[in-house]
């Protein structure tokens, strides 16, 4: 599946089958969204980001943290970079198998963290949010469980996050 997704290009038509997770989003419902996504878990985040950027009345801030093995493994990189040009969208990457930032393009070096996402990184990202964020989480079962533990450890109540 991952190799198939890696071959996608912006503008390709993709057919999905469930489950989709059922997160209902309404413009300006949250002051800020913090999105924690691992691998293909980025998929449900993209339509929400696009909905926000296409709706000039939606002033929701978004901070996306995408977790991938390497820079080359980042799905929909061009689309993510395009979306992060909007005033209210920030995109960061956590790369677990990259050895050095020197191997990355200059335009990505400030937004990449090497290693694995953890409680300290999430806490520091929450502290950079303009408002207390509502958190969306999507990834493997293990990733989702780990992120939920981290969120609870830094004080997020169940009503403050959604796991796809």
Protein backbone atom coordinates (compact mmCIF):
# COMPACT_ATOMS: atom_id res chain seq x y z
CA UNK A 1 0.00 0.00 0.00
CA UNK A 2 2.73 2.52 0.93
CA UNK A 3 4.54 2.09 -2.40
CA UNK A 4 1.24 2.74 -4.19
CA UNK A 5 0.68 5.94 -2.24
CA UNK A 6 4.27 7.03 -2.83
CA UNK A 7 3.56 7.05 -6.58
CA UNK A 8 0.68 9.56 -6.24
CA UNK A 9 1.03 13.02 -7.68
CA UNK A 10 -0.95 16.16 -6.95
CA UNK A 11 -4.10 16.04 -9.07
CA UNK A 12 -4.35 12.22 -9.20
CA UNK A 13 -7.82 10.81 -8.58
CA UNK A 14 -7.82 8.42 -5.64
CA UNK A 15 -10.63 6.11 -4.61
CA UNK A 16 -10.99 5.33 -0.89
CA UNK A 17 -12.89 2.79 1.06
CA UNK A 18 -13.63 3.09 4.77
CA UNK A 19 -13.36 3.39 7.61
CA UNK A 20 -12.83 7.15 7.55
CA UNK A 21 -12.97 7.87 11.24
CA UNK A 22 -15.91 10.24 11.20
CA UNK A 23 -14.38 13.54 12.34
CA UNK A 24 -16.87 16.31 11.55
CA UNK A 25 -15.15 19.63 10.90
CA UNK A 26 -16.88 23.00 10.87
CA UNK A 27 -15.12 26.24 9.95
CA UNK A 28 -13.77 28.16 12.96
CA UNK A 29 -14.93 25.41 15.32
CA UNK A 30 -11.46 25.33 16.89
CA UNK A 31 -9.02 28.20 17.25
CA UNK A 32 -6.14 25.89 16.40
CA UNK A 33 -5.69 22.31 15.27
CA UNK A 34 -2.57 20.30 16.06
CA UNK A 35 -2.35 17.34 13.70
CA UNK A 36 -0.14 14.37 14.58
CA UNK A 37 0.15 12.00 11.63
CA UNK A 38 2.34 9.02 10.90
CA UNK A 39 2.84 7.67 7.38
CA UNK A 40 -0.45 7.19 5.57
CA UNK A 41 -2.14 8.71 8.61
CA UNK A 42 -1.61 12.00 6.81
CA UNK A 43 -4.54 11.13 4.51
CA UNK A 44 -7.44 12.34 6.69
CA UNK A 45 -5.54 15.51 7.59
CA UNK A 46 -5.18 16.79 4.03
CA UNK A 47 -8.89 17.36 3.28
CA UNK A 48 -9.26 19.28 6.54
CA UNK A 49 -6.26 21.48 5.73
CA UNK A 50 -7.54 22.07 2.20
CA UNK A 51 -11.01 22.90 3.48
CA UNK A 52 -9.50 25.50 5.81
CA UNK A 53 -7.27 27.09 3.15
CA UNK A 54 -10.04 27.14 0.53
CA UNK A 55 -12.48 28.86 2.90
CA UNK A 56 -11.37 32.48 3.31
CA UNK A 57 -13.72 32.85 6.28
CA UNK A 58 -12.06 30.01 8.21
CA UNK A 59 -9.35 31.47 10.43
CA UNK A 60 -8.34 28.23 12.12
CA UNK A 61 -4.61 27.85 12.68
CA UNK A 62 -3.14 24.44 11.83
CA UNK A 63 0.12 22.88 12.96
CA UNK A 64 0.77 19.57 11.24
CA UNK A 65 3.48 17.22 12.48
CA UNK A 66 4.04 14.45 9.95
CA UNK A 67 6.14 11.47 11.04
CA UNK A 68 7.99 9.50 8.37
CA UNK A 69 11.07 7.31 8.15
CA UNK A 70 13.01 9.45 5.69
CA UNK A 71 12.64 12.66 3.70
CA UNK A 72 11.94 10.59 0.59
CA UNK A 73 9.08 8.82 2.41
CA UNK A 74 7.08 12.02 2.98
CA UNK A 75 3.73 11.56 1.25
CA UNK A 76 2.24 14.44 -0.72
CA UNK A 77 5.29 16.61 -0.03
CA UNK A 78 4.52 19.19 -2.74
CA UNK A 79 0.92 19.58 -1.59
CA UNK A 80 1.99 19.95 2.03
CA UNK A 81 4.58 22.56 1.08
CA UNK A 82 1.96 24.44 -0.97
CA UNK A 83 -0.51 24.43 1.92
CA UNK A 84 2.11 25.63 4.39
CA UNK A 85 2.47 28.85 2.39
CA UNK A 86 -0.87 29.97 3.82
CA UNK A 87 -0.67 32.33 6.80
CA UNK A 88 -2.43 29.90 9.14
CA UNK A 89 -0.75 26.59 8.24
CA UNK A 90 2.55 25.29 9.68
CA UNK A 91 4.07 21.96 8.71
CA UNK A 92 6.79 20.08 10.57
CA UNK A 93 8.30 16.66 9.95
CA UNK A 94 9.79 14.09 12.29
CA UNK A 95 12.10 11.71 10.43
CA UNK A 96 13.08 8.59 12.32
CA UNK A 97 15.75 7.22 9.97
CA UNK A 98 17.49 10.32 8.62
CA UNK A 99 21.00 10.75 9.95
CA UNK A 100 21.59 14.45 9.31
CA UNK A 101 19.80 17.62 8.31
CA UNK A 102 22.67 18.33 5.89
CA UNK A 103 21.19 15.81 3.44
CA UNK A 104 17.90 17.72 3.22
CA UNK A 105 16.99 20.68 1.00
CA UNK A 106 17.51 24.03 2.74
CA UNK A 107 13.80 24.81 2.61
CA UNK A 108 13.03 21.87 4.89
CA UNK A 109 15.84 22.03 7.44
CA UNK A 110 14.06 24.37 9.86
CA UNK A 111 10.91 22.25 9.89
CA UNK A 112 12.48 18.81 10.39
CA UNK A 113 13.22 17.05 13.66
CA UNK A 114 15.35 13.91 13.58
CA UNK A 115 14.37 10.91 15.68
CA UNK A 116 10.92 9.92 16.91
CA UNK A 117 8.05 12.05 18.06
CA UNK A 118 7.78 12.06 21.84
CA UNK A 119 6.15 13.82 24.76
CA UNK A 120 8.78 16.58 24.92
CA UNK A 121 8.48 17.40 21.22
CA UNK A 122 4.68 17.47 21.39
CA UNK A 123 4.82 19.70 24.46
CA UNK A 124 7.21 22.12 22.76
CA UNK A 125 4.99 22.24 19.66
CA UNK A 126 1.89 22.86 21.79
CA UNK A 127 3.77 25.74 23.43
CA UNK A 128 4.33 27.34 20.00
CA UNK A 129 0.63 27.21 19.16
CA UNK A 130 -1.12 30.56 19.21
CA UNK A 131 -4.13 29.09 21.04
CA UNK A 132 -4.77 25.89 22.96
CA UNK A 133 -5.14 23.38 20.14
CA UNK A 134 -7.60 20.62 19.52
CA UNK A 135 -5.49 17.61 18.52
CA UNK A 136 -6.11 15.17 15.66
CA UNK A 137 -4.14 11.91 15.63
CA UNK A 138 -3.85 9.35 12.84
CA UNK A 139 -1.35 6.57 12.28
CA UNK A 140 -0.82 2.95 13.16
CA UNK A 141 -2.52 1.52 16.24
CA UNK A 142 0.77 1.77 18.14
CA UNK A 143 1.34 5.37 17.02
CA UNK A 144 -2.19 6.35 18.07
CA UNK A 145 -1.77 4.70 21.48
CA UNK A 146 1.62 6.37 22.02
CA UNK A 147 0.27 9.80 21.03
CA UNK A 148 -2.71 9.41 23.34
CA UNK A 149 -0.37 8.61 26.25
CA UNK A 150 1.74 11.66 25.44
CA UNK A 151 -1.30 13.93 25.19
CA UNK A 152 -2.67 12.72 28.52
CA UNK A 153 0.77 13.16 30.14
CA UNK A 154 0.92 16.82 29.11
CA UNK A 155 -2.60 17.54 30.33
CA UNK A 156 -4.95 16.99 27.40
CA UNK A 157 -8.39 15.68 28.35
CA UNK A 158 -10.21 13.16 26.14
CA UNK A 159 -12.48 15.99 24.88
CA UNK A 160 -9.41 17.84 23.56
CA UNK A 161 -8.33 15.31 20.94
CA UNK A 162 -9.69 12.96 18.30
CA UNK A 163 -8.06 9.73 17.13
CA UNK A 164 -8.94 8.49 13.65
